[in-house]
PDB file of N, CA and C in Angstrom:
ATOM      1  N   UNK A   1       1.202  -3.627 147.399  1.00  0.00           N
ATOM      2  CA  UNK A   1       0.835  -2.530 148.270  1.00  0.00           C
ATOM      3  C   UNK A   1       0.060  -1.495 147.458  1.00  0.00           C
ATOM      4  N   UNK A   2      -0.907  -0.920 148.075  1.00  0.00           N
ATOM      5  CA  UNK A   2      -1.692   0.095 147.377  1.00  0.00           C
ATOM      6  C   UNK A   2      -1.412   1.468 147.970  1.00  0.00           C
ATOM      7  N   UNK A   3      -1.588   2.450 147.156  1.00  0.00           N
ATOM      8  CA  UNK A   3      -1.420   3.818 147.630  1.00  0.00           C
ATOM      9  C   UNK A   3      -2.758   4.517 147.541  1.00  0.00           C
ATOM     10  N   UNK A   4      -3.004   5.342 148.483  1.00  0.00           N
ATOM     11  CA  UNK A   4      -4.239   6.120 148.507  1.00  0.00           C
ATOM     12  C   UNK A   4      -3.917   7.546 148.099  1.00  0.00           C
ATOM     13  N   UNK A   5      -4.050   7.792 146.819  1.00  0.00           N
ATOM     14  CA  UNK A   5      -3.776   9.132 146.315  1.00  0.00           C
ATOM     15  C   UNK A   5      -5.080   9.793 145.905  1.00  0.00           C
ATOM     16  N   UNK A   6      -5.185  11.047 146.198  1.00  0.00           N
ATOM     17  CA  UNK A   6      -6.342  11.818 145.770  1.00  0.00           C
ATOM     18  C   UNK A   6      -5.848  12.970 144.910  1.00  0.00           C
ATOM     19  N   UNK A   7      -6.515  13.169 143.821  1.00  0.00           N
ATOM     20  CA  UNK A   7      -6.209  14.299 142.963  1.00  0.00           C
ATOM     21  C   UNK A   7      -7.196  15.412 143.254  1.00  0.00           C
ATOM     22  N   UNK A   8      -6.679  16.602 143.357  1.00  0.00           N
ATOM     23  CA  UNK A   8      -7.536  17.753 143.634  1.00  0.00           C
ATOM     24  C   UNK A   8      -7.456  18.715 142.450  1.00  0.00           C
ATOM     25  N   UNK A   9      -8.599  19.040 141.932  1.00  0.00           N
ATOM     26  CA  UNK A   9      -8.686  19.993 140.835  1.00  0.00           C
ATOM     27  C   UNK A   9      -9.435  21.211 141.330  1.00  0.00           C
ATOM     28  N   UNK A  10      -8.972  22.355 140.935  1.00  0.00           N
ATOM     29  CA  UNK A  10      -9.614  23.604 141.322  1.00  0.00           C
ATOM     30  C   UNK A  10     -10.355  24.151 140.121  1.00  0.00           C
ATOM     31  N   UNK A  11     -11.656  24.317 140.273  1.00  0.00           N
ATOM     32  CA  UNK A  11     -12.470  24.706 139.121  1.00  0.00           C
ATOM     33  C   UNK A  11     -12.048  26.046 138.529  1.00  0.00           C
ATOM     34  N   UNK A  12     -11.431  26.892 139.324  1.00  0.00           N
ATOM     35  CA  UNK A  12     -11.001  28.186 138.790  1.00  0.00           C
ATOM     36  C   UNK A  12      -9.800  28.058 137.843  1.00  0.00           C
ATOM     37  N   UNK A  13      -9.161  26.896 137.830  1.00  0.00           N
ATOM     38  CA  UNK A  13      -8.050  26.667 136.917  1.00  0.00           C
ATOM     39  C   UNK A  13      -8.499  26.275 135.514  1.00  0.00           C
ATOM     40  N   UNK A  14      -9.790  26.063 135.354  1.00  0.00           N
ATOM     41  CA  UNK A  14     -10.319  25.584 134.072  1.00  0.00           C
ATOM     42  C   UNK A  14     -11.447  26.475 133.601  1.00  0.00           C
ATOM     43  N   UNK A  15     -11.579  26.582 132.293  1.00  0.00           N
ATOM     44  CA  UNK A  15     -12.629  27.415 131.701  1.00  0.00           C
ATOM     45  C   UNK A  15     -13.793  26.599 131.181  1.00  0.00           C
ATOM     46  N   UNK A  16     -13.519  25.388 130.748  1.00  0.00           N
ATOM     47  CA  UNK A  16     -14.582  24.597 130.160  1.00  0.00           C
ATOM     48  C   UNK A  16     -14.280  23.112 130.186  1.00  0.00           C
ATOM     49  N   UNK A  17     -15.240  22.342 129.712  1.00  0.00           N
ATOM     50  CA  UNK A  17     -15.111  20.892 129.725  1.00  0.00           C
ATOM     51  C   UNK A  17     -15.490  20.350 128.349  1.00  0.00           C
ATOM     52  N   UNK A  18     -14.738  19.362 127.926  1.00  0.00           N
ATOM     53  CA  UNK A  18     -14.991  18.673 126.668  1.00  0.00           C
ATOM     54  C   UNK A  18     -15.356  17.232 127.009  1.00  0.00           C
ATOM     55  N   UNK A  19     -16.595  16.836 126.693  1.00  0.00           N
ATOM     56  CA  UNK A  19     -17.061  15.479 126.951  1.00  0.00           C
ATOM     57  C   UNK A  19     -16.982  14.668 125.667  1.00  0.00           C
ATOM     58  N   UNK A  20     -16.334  13.521 125.742  1.00  0.00           N
ATOM     59  CA  UNK A  20     -16.186  12.625 124.591  1.00  0.00           C
ATOM     60  C   UNK A  20     -16.702  11.257 124.997  1.00  0.00           C
ATOM     61  N   UNK A  21     -17.553  10.661 124.165  1.00  0.00           N
ATOM     62  CA  UNK A  21     -17.985   9.293 124.444  1.00  0.00           C
ATOM     63  C   UNK A  21     -18.357   8.593 123.142  1.00  0.00           C
ATOM     64  N   UNK A  22     -18.279   7.276 123.191  1.00  0.00           N
ATOM     65  CA  UNK A  22     -18.638   6.480 122.020  1.00  0.00           C
ATOM     66  C   UNK A  22     -19.041   5.093 122.475  1.00  0.00           C
ATOM     67  N   UNK A  23     -19.909   4.484 121.705  1.00  0.00           N
ATOM     68  CA  UNK A  23     -20.373   3.142 122.032  1.00  0.00           C
ATOM     69  C   UNK A  23     -21.872   3.102 122.211  1.00  0.00           C
ATOM     70  N   UNK A  24     -22.360   1.902 122.489  1.00  0.00           N
ATOM     71  CA  UNK A  24     -23.807   1.700 122.569  1.00  0.00           C
ATOM     72  C   UNK A  24     -24.456   2.476 123.712  1.00  0.00           C
ATOM     73  N   UNK A  25     -23.775   2.665 124.816  1.00  0.00           N
ATOM     74  CA  UNK A  25     -24.344   3.374 125.972  1.00  0.00           C
ATOM     75  C   UNK A  25     -23.872   4.817 126.057  1.00  0.00           C
ATOM     76  N   UNK A  26     -23.241   5.317 125.019  1.00  0.00           N
ATOM     77  CA  UNK A  26     -22.611   6.636 125.090  1.00  0.00           C
ATOM     78  C   UNK A  26     -23.598   7.766 125.351  1.00  0.00           C
ATOM     79  N   UNK A  27     -24.785   7.707 124.789  1.00  0.00           N
ATOM     80  CA  UNK A  27     -25.747   8.792 124.995  1.00  0.00           C
ATOM     81  C   UNK A  27     -26.172   8.854 126.459  1.00  0.00           C
ATOM     82  N   UNK A  28     -26.537   7.723 127.041  1.00  0.00           N
ATOM     83  CA  UNK A  28     -26.949   7.705 128.448  1.00  0.00           C
ATOM     84  C   UNK A  28     -25.828   8.173 129.366  1.00  0.00           C
ATOM     85  N   UNK A  29     -24.618   7.695 129.117  1.00  0.00           N
ATOM     86  CA  UNK A  29     -23.484   8.094 129.959  1.00  0.00           C
ATOM     87  C   UNK A  29     -23.198   9.590 129.829  1.00  0.00           C
ATOM     88  N   UNK A  30     -23.277  10.110 128.625  1.00  0.00           N
ATOM     89  CA  UNK A  30     -22.985  11.527 128.414  1.00  0.00           C
ATOM     90  C   UNK A  30     -24.069  12.415 129.003  1.00  0.00           C
ATOM     91  N   UNK A  31     -25.323  12.007 128.885  1.00  0.00           N
ATOM     92  CA  UNK A  31     -26.398  12.771 129.535  1.00  0.00           C
ATOM     93  C   UNK A  31     -26.160  12.881 131.030  1.00  0.00           C
ATOM     94  N   UNK A  32     -25.782  11.770 131.662  1.00  0.00           N
ATOM     95  CA  UNK A  32     -25.530  11.773 133.105  1.00  0.00           C
ATOM     96  C   UNK A  32     -24.326  12.646 133.449  1.00  0.00           C
ATOM     97  N   UNK A  33     -23.236  12.482 132.718  1.00  0.00           N
ATOM     98  CA  UNK A  33     -22.029  13.274 132.996  1.00  0.00           C
ATOM     99  C   UNK A  33     -22.267  14.758 132.766  1.00  0.00           C
ATOM    100  N   UNK A  34     -22.952  15.099 131.689  1.00  0.00           N
ATOM    101  CA  UNK A  34     -23.214  16.513 131.384  1.00  0.00           C
ATOM    102  C   UNK A  34     -24.057  17.158 132.477  1.00  0.00           C
ATOM    103  N   UNK A  35     -25.060  16.450 132.967  1.00  0.00           N
ATOM    104  CA  UNK A  35     -25.893  16.994 134.040  1.00  0.00           C
ATOM    105  C   UNK A  35     -25.072  17.206 135.305  1.00  0.00           C
ATOM    106  N   UNK A  36     -24.226  16.247 135.648  1.00  0.00           N
ATOM    107  CA  UNK A  36     -23.392  16.368 136.849  1.00  0.00           C
ATOM    108  C   UNK A  36     -22.465  17.575 136.730  1.00  0.00           C
ATOM    109  N   UNK A  37     -21.802  17.709 135.585  1.00  0.00           N
ATOM    110  CA  UNK A  37     -20.877  18.828 135.391  1.00  0.00           C
ATOM    111  C   UNK A  37     -21.618  20.156 135.425  1.00  0.00           C
ATOM    112  N   UNK A  38     -22.740  20.244 134.726  1.00  0.00           N
ATOM    113  CA  UNK A  38     -23.485  21.510 134.677  1.00  0.00           C
ATOM    114  C   UNK A  38     -24.028  21.888 136.046  1.00  0.00           C
ATOM    115  N   UNK A  39     -24.509  20.904 136.799  1.00  0.00           N
ATOM    116  CA  UNK A  39     -25.010  21.185 138.151  1.00  0.00           C
ATOM    117  C   UNK A  39     -23.882  21.603 139.098  1.00  0.00           C
ATOM    118  N   UNK A  40     -22.715  20.979 138.960  1.00  0.00           N
ATOM    119  CA  UNK A  40     -21.595  21.252 139.866  1.00  0.00           C
ATOM    120  C   UNK A  40     -20.888  22.556 139.536  1.00  0.00           C
ATOM    121  N   UNK A  41     -20.716  22.824 138.246  1.00  0.00           N
ATOM    122  CA  UNK A  41     -19.943  24.000 137.828  1.00  0.00           C
ATOM    123  C   UNK A  41     -20.672  24.674 136.662  1.00  0.00           C
ATOM    124  N   UNK A  42     -21.760  25.359 136.944  1.00  0.00           N
ATOM    125  CA  UNK A  42     -22.583  25.923 135.867  1.00  0.00           C
ATOM    126  C   UNK A  42     -21.877  26.991 135.034  1.00  0.00           C
ATOM    127  N   UNK A  43     -20.831  27.590 135.571  1.00  0.00           N
ATOM    128  CA  UNK A  43     -20.144  28.648 134.819  1.00  0.00           C
ATOM    129  C   UNK A  43     -19.220  28.098 133.728  1.00  0.00           C
ATOM    130  N   UNK A  44     -18.928  26.821 133.756  1.00  0.00           N
ATOM    131  CA  UNK A  44     -18.076  26.237 132.712  1.00  0.00           C
ATOM    132  C   UNK A  44     -18.829  26.142 131.402  1.00  0.00           C
ATOM    133  N   UNK A  45     -18.136  26.424 130.324  1.00  0.00           N
ATOM    134  CA  UNK A  45     -18.669  26.158 128.994  1.00  0.00           C
ATOM    135  C   UNK A  45     -18.509  24.669 128.725  1.00  0.00           C
ATOM    136  N   UNK A  46     -19.483  24.090 128.091  1.00  0.00           N
ATOM    137  CA  UNK A  46     -19.432  22.661 127.817  1.00  0.00           C
ATOM    138  C   UNK A  46     -19.573  22.425 126.324  1.00  0.00           C
ATOM    139  N   UNK A  47     -18.848  21.428 125.838  1.00  0.00           N
ATOM    140  CA  UNK A  47     -18.994  20.971 124.462  1.00  0.00           C
ATOM    141  C   UNK A  47     -18.590  19.511 124.438  1.00  0.00           C
ATOM    142  N   UNK A  48     -18.804  18.865 123.303  1.00  0.00           N
ATOM    143  CA  UNK A  48     -18.406  17.484 123.233  1.00  0.00           C
ATOM    144  C   UNK A  48     -18.851  16.785 121.972  1.00  0.00           C
ATOM    145  N   UNK A  49     -18.493  15.517 121.916  1.00  0.00           N
ATOM    146  CA  UNK A  49     -18.820  14.668 120.784  1.00  0.00           C
ATOM    147  C   UNK A  49     -19.243  13.306 121.320  1.00  0.00           C
ATOM    148  N   UNK A  50     -20.357  12.815 120.797  1.00  0.00           N
ATOM    149  CA  UNK A  50     -20.841  11.480 121.116  1.00  0.00           C
ATOM    150  C   UNK A  50     -20.981  10.707 119.814  1.00  0.00           C
ATOM    151  N   UNK A  51     -20.395   9.522 119.771  1.00  0.00           N
ATOM    152  CA  UNK A  51     -20.623   8.612 118.651  1.00  0.00           C
ATOM    153  C   UNK A  51     -21.493   7.488 119.194  1.00  0.00           C
ATOM    154  N   UNK A  52     -22.681   7.350 118.628  1.00  0.00           N
ATOM    155  CA  UNK A  52     -23.623   6.353 119.128  1.00  0.00           C
ATOM    156  C   UNK A  52     -23.997   5.352 118.046  1.00  0.00           C
ATOM    157  N   UNK A  53     -24.369   4.178 118.484  1.00  0.00           N
ATOM    158  CA  UNK A  53     -24.881   3.169 117.567  1.00  0.00           C
ATOM    159  C   UNK A  53     -26.222   3.644 117.024  1.00  0.00           C
ATOM    160  N   UNK A  54     -26.486   3.383 115.764  1.00  0.00           N
ATOM    161  CA  UNK A  54     -27.769   3.751 115.169  1.00  0.00           C
ATOM    162  C   UNK A  54     -28.925   3.337 116.076  1.00  0.00           C
ATOM    163  N   UNK A  55     -29.881   4.242 116.223  1.00  0.00           N
ATOM    164  CA  UNK A  55     -31.123   3.972 116.958  1.00  0.00           C
ATOM    165  C   UNK A  55     -30.920   3.645 118.433  1.00  0.00           C
ATOM    166  N   UNK A  56     -29.864   4.182 119.038  1.00  0.00           N
ATOM    167  CA  UNK A  56     -29.640   3.956 120.464  1.00  0.00           C
ATOM    168  C   UNK A  56     -29.886   5.210 121.295  1.00  0.00           C
ATOM    169  N   UNK A  57     -30.705   6.110 120.763  1.00  0.00           N
ATOM    170  CA  UNK A  57     -31.103   7.295 121.513  1.00  0.00           C
ATOM    171  C   UNK A  57     -32.404   7.826 120.922  1.00  0.00           C
ATOM    172  N   UNK A  58     -33.183   8.451 121.771  1.00  0.00           N
ATOM    173  CA  UNK A  58     -34.393   9.108 121.283  1.00  0.00           C
ATOM    174  C   UNK A  58     -34.018  10.473 120.715  1.00  0.00           C
ATOM    175  N   UNK A  59     -34.905  11.030 119.941  1.00  0.00           N
ATOM    176  CA  UNK A  59     -34.651  12.377 119.422  1.00  0.00           C
ATOM    177  C   UNK A  59     -34.591  13.388 120.558  1.00  0.00           C
ATOM    178  N   UNK A  60     -35.387  13.189 121.602  1.00  0.00           N
ATOM    179  CA  UNK A  60     -35.332  14.083 122.772  1.00  0.00           C
ATOM    180  C   UNK A  60     -33.964  14.038 123.446  1.00  0.00           C
ATOM    181  N   UNK A  61     -33.380  12.845 123.572  1.00  0.00           N
ATOM    182  CA  UNK A  61     -32.052  12.723 124.171  1.00  0.00           C
ATOM    183  C   UNK A  61     -30.994  13.419 123.310  1.00  0.00           C
ATOM    184  N   UNK A  62     -31.088  13.225 122.026  1.00  0.00           N
ATOM    185  CA  UNK A  62     -30.143  13.878 121.111  1.00  0.00           C
ATOM    186  C   UNK A  62     -30.297  15.389 121.193  1.00  0.00           C
ATOM    187  N   UNK A  63     -31.533  15.871 121.195  1.00  0.00           N
ATOM    188  CA  UNK A  63     -31.785  17.311 121.288  1.00  0.00           C
ATOM    189  C   UNK A  63     -31.242  17.886 122.591  1.00  0.00           C
ATOM    190  N   UNK A  64     -31.417  17.168 123.694  1.00  0.00           N
ATOM    191  CA  UNK A  64     -30.902  17.639 124.975  1.00  0.00           C
ATOM    192  C   UNK A  64     -29.388  17.792 124.922  1.00  0.00           C
ATOM    193  N   UNK A  65     -28.707  16.790 124.398  1.00  0.00           N
ATOM    194  CA  UNK A  65     -27.250  16.877 124.298  1.00  0.00           C
ATOM    195  C   UNK A  65     -26.832  18.032 123.405  1.00  0.00           C
ATOM    196  N   UNK A  66     -27.453  18.154 122.262  1.00  0.00           N
ATOM    197  CA  UNK A  66     -27.017  19.164 121.297  1.00  0.00           C
ATOM    198  C   UNK A  66     -27.427  20.574 121.688  1.00  0.00           C
ATOM    199  N   UNK A  67     -28.623  20.740 122.212  1.00  0.00           N
ATOM    200  CA  UNK A  67     -29.122  22.096 122.505  1.00  0.00           C
ATOM    201  C   UNK A  67     -28.728  22.550 123.912  1.00  0.00           C
ATOM    202  N   UNK A  68     -28.988  21.717 124.902  1.00  0.00           N
ATOM    203  CA  UNK A  68     -28.740  22.123 126.288  1.00  0.00           C
ATOM    204  C   UNK A  68     -27.270  22.069 126.673  1.00  0.00           C
ATOM    205  N   UNK A  69     -26.534  21.081 126.115  1.00  0.00           N
ATOM    206  CA  UNK A  69     -25.151  20.879 126.539  1.00  0.00           C
ATOM    207  C   UNK A  69     -24.111  21.155 125.459  1.00  0.00           C
ATOM    208  N   UNK A  70     -24.530  21.516 124.263  1.00  0.00           N
ATOM    209  CA  UNK A  70     -23.599  21.831 123.181  1.00  0.00           C
ATOM    210  C   UNK A  70     -22.702  20.633 122.822  1.00  0.00           C
ATOM    211  N   UNK A  71     -23.308  19.450 122.800  1.00  0.00           N
ATOM    212  CA  UNK A  71     -22.579  18.219 122.498  1.00  0.00           C
ATOM    213  C   UNK A  71     -23.127  17.651 121.193  1.00  0.00           C
ATOM    214  N   UNK A  72     -22.257  17.486 120.216  1.00  0.00           N
ATOM    215  CA  UNK A  72     -22.662  16.953 118.919  1.00  0.00           C
ATOM    216  C   UNK A  72     -22.796  15.441 118.983  1.00  0.00           C
ATOM    217  N   UNK A  73     -23.871  14.923 118.404  1.00  0.00           N
ATOM    218  CA  UNK A  73     -24.140  13.487 118.406  1.00  0.00           C
ATOM    219  C   UNK A  73     -24.045  12.971 116.971  1.00  0.00           C
ATOM    220  N   UNK A  74     -23.248  11.925 116.803  1.00  0.00           N
ATOM    221  CA  UNK A  74     -23.041  11.325 115.485  1.00  0.00           C
ATOM    222  C   UNK A  74     -23.427   9.846 115.524  1.00  0.00           C
ATOM    223  N   UNK A  75     -24.463   9.460 114.789  1.00  0.00           N
ATOM    224  CA  UNK A  75     -24.776   8.038 114.697  1.00  0.00           C
ATOM    225  C   UNK A  75     -23.769   7.330 113.811  1.00  0.00           C
ATOM    226  N   UNK A  76     -23.513   6.066 114.139  1.00  0.00           N
ATOM    227  CA  UNK A  76     -22.549   5.273 113.367  1.00  0.00           C
ATOM    228  C   UNK A  76     -22.919   3.800 113.485  1.00  0.00           C
ATOM    229  N   UNK A  77     -22.285   2.985 112.690  1.00  0.00           N
ATOM    230  CA  UNK A  77     -22.609   1.560 112.706  1.00  0.00           C
ATOM    231  C   UNK A  77     -21.844   0.830 113.807  1.00  0.00           C
ATOM    232  N   UNK A  78     -22.361  -0.334 114.161  1.00  0.00           N
ATOM    233  CA  UNK A  78     -21.729  -1.182 115.163  1.00  0.00           C
ATOM    234  C   UNK A  78     -22.184  -2.602 114.897  1.00  0.00           C
ATOM    235  N   UNK A  79     -21.353  -3.569 114.930  1.00  0.00           N
ATOM    236  CA  UNK A  79     -19.963  -3.575 115.391  1.00  0.00           C
ATOM    237  C   UNK A  79     -18.948  -3.261 114.302  1.00  0.00           C
ATOM    238  N   UNK A  80     -19.359  -3.244 113.055  1.00  0.00           N
ATOM    239  CA  UNK A  80     -18.411  -2.975 111.973  1.00  0.00           C
ATOM    240  C   UNK A  80     -18.467  -1.487 111.637  1.00  0.00           C
ATOM    241  N   UNK A  81     -17.355  -0.768 111.783  1.00  0.00           N
ATOM    242  CA  UNK A  81     -17.342   0.668 111.483  1.00  0.00           C
ATOM    243  C   UNK A  81     -17.679   0.938 110.019  1.00  0.00           C
ATOM    244  N   UNK A  82     -18.325   2.079 109.812  1.00  0.00           N
ATOM    245  CA  UNK A  82     -18.593   2.535 108.453  1.00  0.00           C
ATOM    246  C   UNK A  82     -17.965   3.911 108.273  1.00  0.00           C
ATOM    247  N   UNK A  83     -18.229   4.556 107.143  1.00  0.00           N
ATOM    248  CA  UNK A  83     -17.624   5.873 106.891  1.00  0.00           C
ATOM    249  C   UNK A  83     -18.057   6.906 107.919  1.00  0.00           C
ATOM    250  N   UNK A  84     -19.283   6.783 108.430  1.00  0.00           N
ATOM    251  CA  UNK A  84     -19.738   7.712 109.476  1.00  0.00           C
ATOM    252  C   UNK A  84     -18.911   7.529 110.741  1.00  0.00           C
ATOM    253  N   UNK A  85     -18.583   6.285 111.059  1.00  0.00           N
ATOM    254  CA  UNK A  85     -17.757   5.986 112.236  1.00  0.00           C
ATOM    255  C   UNK A  85     -16.385   6.638 112.114  1.00  0.00           C
ATOM    256  N   UNK A  86     -15.786   6.487 110.946  1.00  0.00           N
ATOM    257  CA  UNK A  86     -14.452   7.043 110.697  1.00  0.00           C
ATOM    258  C   UNK A  86     -14.497   8.571 110.756  1.00  0.00           C
ATOM    259  N   UNK A  87     -15.521   9.159 110.154  1.00  0.00           N
ATOM    260  CA  UNK A  87     -15.654  10.621 110.164  1.00  0.00           C
ATOM    261  C   UNK A  87     -15.818  11.153 111.585  1.00  0.00           C
ATOM    262  N   UNK A  88     -16.674  10.513 112.377  1.00  0.00           N
ATOM    263  CA  UNK A  88     -16.896  10.959 113.750  1.00  0.00           C
ATOM    264  C   UNK A  88     -15.644  10.766 114.608  1.00  0.00           C
ATOM    265  N   UNK A  89     -14.948   9.652 114.410  1.00  0.00           N
ATOM    266  CA  UNK A  89     -13.705   9.423 115.150  1.00  0.00           C
ATOM    267  C   UNK A  89     -12.670  10.491 114.808  1.00  0.00           C
ATOM    268  N   UNK A  90     -12.626  10.904 113.564  1.00  0.00           N
ATOM    269  CA  UNK A  90     -11.713  11.978 113.154  1.00  0.00           C
ATOM    270  C   UNK A  90     -12.050  13.281 113.858  1.00  0.00           C
ATOM    271  N   UNK A  91     -13.332  13.543 114.069  1.00  0.00           N
ATOM    272  CA  UNK A  91     -13.748  14.748 114.792  1.00  0.00           C
ATOM    273  C   UNK A  91     -13.268  14.698 116.239  1.00  0.00           C
ATOM    274  N   UNK A  92     -13.346  13.520 116.845  1.00  0.00           N
ATOM    275  CA  UNK A  92     -12.842  13.374 118.217  1.00  0.00           C
ATOM    276  C   UNK A  92     -11.340  13.623 118.255  1.00  0.00           C
ATOM    277  N   UNK A  93     -10.610  12.986 117.367  1.00  0.00           N
ATOM    278  CA  UNK A  93      -9.152  13.168 117.348  1.00  0.00           C
ATOM    279  C   UNK A  93      -8.770  14.624 117.154  1.00  0.00           C
ATOM    280  N   UNK A  94      -9.477  15.307 116.281  1.00  0.00           N
ATOM    281  CA  UNK A  94      -9.206  16.725 116.056  1.00  0.00           C
ATOM    282  C   UNK A  94      -9.488  17.542 117.319  1.00  0.00           C
ATOM    283  N   UNK A  95     -10.576  17.238 118.008  1.00  0.00           N
ATOM    284  CA  UNK A  95     -10.942  17.978 119.223  1.00  0.00           C
ATOM    285  C   UNK A  95      -9.939  17.790 120.344  1.00  0.00           C
ATOM    286  N   UNK A  96      -9.478  16.568 120.538  1.00  0.00           N
ATOM    287  CA  UNK A  96      -8.585  16.320 121.674  1.00  0.00           C
ATOM    288  C   UNK A  96      -7.129  16.620 121.360  1.00  0.00           C
ATOM    289  N   UNK A  97      -6.759  16.650 120.092  1.00  0.00           N
ATOM    290  CA  UNK A  97      -5.359  16.901 119.760  1.00  0.00           C
ATOM    291  C   UNK A  97      -4.962  18.359 119.982  1.00  0.00           C
ATOM    292  N   UNK A  98      -5.912  19.246 119.993  1.00  0.00           N
ATOM    293  CA  UNK A  98      -5.616  20.671 120.187  1.00  0.00           C
ATOM    294  C   UNK A  98      -6.177  21.203 121.495  1.00  0.00           C
ATOM    295  N   UNK A  99      -6.336  20.335 122.478  1.00  0.00           N
ATOM    296  CA  UNK A  99      -6.957  20.764 123.726  1.00  0.00           C
ATOM    297  C   UNK A  99      -6.005  21.665 124.518  1.00  0.00           C
ATOM    298  N   UNK A 100      -6.556  22.689 125.099  1.00  0.00           N
ATOM    299  CA  UNK A 100      -5.743  23.644 125.869  1.00  0.00           C
ATOM    300  C   UNK A 100      -5.607  23.183 127.316  1.00  0.00           C
ATOM    301  N   UNK A 101      -4.661  23.762 128.019  1.00  0.00           N
ATOM    302  CA  UNK A 101      -4.400  23.404 129.415  1.00  0.00           C
ATOM    303  C   UNK A 101      -5.533  23.770 130.349  1.00  0.00           C
ATOM    304  N   UNK A 102      -6.365  24.722 129.949  1.00  0.00           N
ATOM    305  CA  UNK A 102      -7.443  25.151 130.826  1.00  0.00           C
ATOM    306  C   UNK A 102      -8.775  24.483 130.482  1.00  0.00           C
ATOM    307  N   UNK A 103      -8.696  23.358 129.795  1.00  0.00           N
ATOM    308  CA  UNK A 103      -9.892  22.622 129.399  1.00  0.00           C
ATOM    309  C   UNK A 103      -9.841  21.233 130.031  1.00  0.00           C
ATOM    310  N   UNK A 104     -10.958  20.831 130.615  1.00  0.00           N
ATOM    311  CA  UNK A 104     -11.056  19.517 131.230  1.00  0.00           C
ATOM    312  C   UNK A 104     -11.635  18.544 130.211  1.00  0.00           C
ATOM    313  N   UNK A 105     -10.977  17.414 130.025  1.00  0.00           N
ATOM    314  CA  UNK A 105     -11.447  16.382 129.111  1.00  0.00           C
ATOM    315  C   UNK A 105     -12.043  15.237 129.914  1.00  0.00           C
ATOM    316  N   UNK A 106     -13.302  14.930 129.600  1.00  0.00           N
ATOM    317  CA  UNK A 106     -13.983  13.812 130.249  1.00  0.00           C
ATOM    318  C   UNK A 106     -14.364  12.830 129.181  1.00  0.00           C
TER     319      UNK A 106
END
């Protein structure tokens, strides 16, 4: 049996959003999510971390994430992690481990 549950979030209960993504398509997915969030709730502060495979984004895409959306982009190796991968993953863990109740994590 399935249940039809809907979750309702009230934007006034939150101050900002933290976007986290990693993987080969992470830049494209984060660009789309950041635009949706900014268009829907422009008053929210946005920040985030993207770990991307080397050469899987243009400089314009990286600049848009970092300048327009305040999202840090870290290139890393794939499929075998390297020290950059470990360092960027540590940044994600640090960001989400201290997240406040009034922050939305995507």
